[in-house]
Amino acid sequence: MALTNKETIVVVAHLLPCCGMVVDRVSQVKNEGKPGPGDITLCSRCHFLLVFGDDLLERLPTAEETAVFSHDQNLRELLAEGHRIIEEQATRTERGLR
């Protein structure tokens, strides 16, 4: 599974609980399609793993979720790919590219 075919949805602008970044669009990491409650996402600023709540706002994962995530090899691979993509985008932005 790769980070393609991800559907981004527009949401009310809000602060992320991990680093305070303001976001107005979200997408999930693990599955294709729109994010839903319980799906995970990755902060593009600090690379922190977040979980979508019932209101589709990102929240910090619980201790139980963190334990499950740490044993999910597919998720670890997806997060590594997400980090690579975020770093690539940051490098392109620094160079004034899109």
Protein backbone atom coordinates (compact mmCIF):
# COMPACT_ATOMS: atom_id res chain seq x y z
CA MET A 1 0.00 0.00 0.00
CA ALA A 2 1.39 3.40 -0.94
CA LEU A 3 0.43 6.94 -0.09
CA THR A 4 -1.47 7.41 -3.32
CA ASN A 5 -5.18 7.79 -3.98
CA LYS A 6 -5.53 9.65 -0.72
CA GLU A 7 -8.57 11.85 -0.62
CA THR A 8 -8.09 15.20 1.05
CA ILE A 9 -11.11 16.88 2.58
CA VAL A 10 -11.57 20.52 3.52
CA VAL A 11 -12.34 21.13 7.20
CA VAL A 12 -12.80 24.13 9.43
CA ALA A 13 -9.37 25.60 10.17
CA HIS A 14 -8.06 24.37 13.50
CA LEU A 15 -4.86 23.84 15.48
CA LEU A 16 -3.24 20.43 15.65
CA PRO A 17 -2.70 19.14 19.19
CA CYS A 18 0.88 18.05 18.48
CA CYS A 19 2.54 21.31 17.41
CA GLY A 20 -0.17 23.94 16.98
CA MET A 21 0.00 23.98 13.18
CA VAL A 22 -3.17 25.42 11.61
CA VAL A 23 -4.77 23.07 9.10
CA ASP A 24 -7.83 23.37 6.91
CA ARG A 25 -7.45 20.12 4.93
CA VAL A 26 -6.92 16.57 6.11
CA SER A 27 -6.22 13.16 4.66
CA GLN A 28 -5.54 9.81 6.26
CA VAL A 29 -2.44 7.64 6.04
CA LYS A 30 -3.41 3.99 6.17
CA ASN A 31 -6.37 3.43 3.85
CA GLU A 32 -7.62 4.92 0.62
CA GLY A 33 -10.52 7.33 0.49
CA LYS A 34 -11.79 9.94 2.90
CA PRO A 35 -10.64 9.85 6.50
CA GLY A 36 -13.05 8.66 9.16
CA PRO A 37 -13.12 8.31 12.93
CA GLY A 38 -10.23 6.14 14.14
CA ASP A 39 -8.17 6.62 10.96
CA ILE A 40 -4.67 7.94 11.34
CA THR A 41 -2.84 10.87 9.82
CA LEU A 42 0.59 12.41 10.05
CA CYS A 43 1.37 16.05 10.85
CA SER A 44 3.23 17.55 7.91
CA ARG A 45 5.13 19.91 10.23
CA CYS A 46 6.32 17.75 13.14
CA HIS A 47 5.58 14.27 11.69
CA PHE A 48 3.56 13.28 14.74
CA LEU A 49 1.06 10.44 14.35
CA LEU A 50 -2.52 11.58 15.04
CA VAL A 51 -5.90 9.85 15.11
CA PHE A 52 -9.17 11.26 13.76
CA GLY A 53 -11.83 11.62 16.45
CA ASP A 54 -15.57 11.22 15.90
CA ASP A 55 -15.67 14.90 14.87
CA LEU A 56 -12.86 14.27 12.31
CA LEU A 57 -10.55 16.56 14.27
CA GLU A 58 -7.12 15.14 14.91
CA ARG A 59 -6.30 13.98 18.42
CA LEU A 60 -3.31 12.42 20.10
CA PRO A 61 -3.39 8.61 20.10
CA THR A 62 -4.27 6.83 23.32
CA ALA A 63 -1.72 4.58 25.03
CA GLU A 64 -3.62 1.56 23.73
CA GLU A 65 -3.59 2.87 20.15
CA THR A 66 0.12 3.65 20.39
CA ALA A 67 0.81 0.08 21.52
CA VAL A 68 -1.15 -1.33 18.57
CA PHE A 69 0.51 1.04 16.09
CA SER A 70 3.99 0.10 17.28
CA HIS A 71 3.39 -3.53 16.25
CA ASP A 72 1.90 -2.77 12.80
CA GLN A 73 4.68 -3.31 10.24
CA ASN A 74 2.53 -2.03 7.36
CA LEU A 75 1.81 1.16 9.30
CA ARG A 76 5.50 1.65 10.09
CA GLU A 77 6.29 1.36 6.36
CA LEU A 78 3.53 3.84 5.48
CA LEU A 79 4.78 6.29 8.11
CA ALA A 80 8.31 6.01 6.75
CA GLU A 81 6.96 6.75 3.28
CA GLY A 82 4.94 9.66 4.68
CA HIS A 83 8.04 11.10 6.34
CA ARG A 84 9.94 10.78 3.05
CA ILE A 85 7.18 12.58 1.13
CA ILE A 86 6.93 15.36 3.74
CA GLU A 87 10.69 15.88 3.67
CA GLU A 88 10.66 15.93 -0.14
CA GLN A 89 7.88 18.53 -0.14
CA ALA A 90 9.77 20.65 2.40
CA THR A 91 12.90 20.51 0.27
CA ARG A 92 10.95 21.52 -2.82
CA THR A 93 9.33 24.40 -0.91
CA GLU A 94 12.73 25.59 0.31
CA ARG A 95 13.92 25.62 -3.29
CA GLY A 96 10.84 27.56 -4.41
CA LEU A 97 9.43 24.60 -6.37
CA ARG A 98 5.94 23.17 -6.25
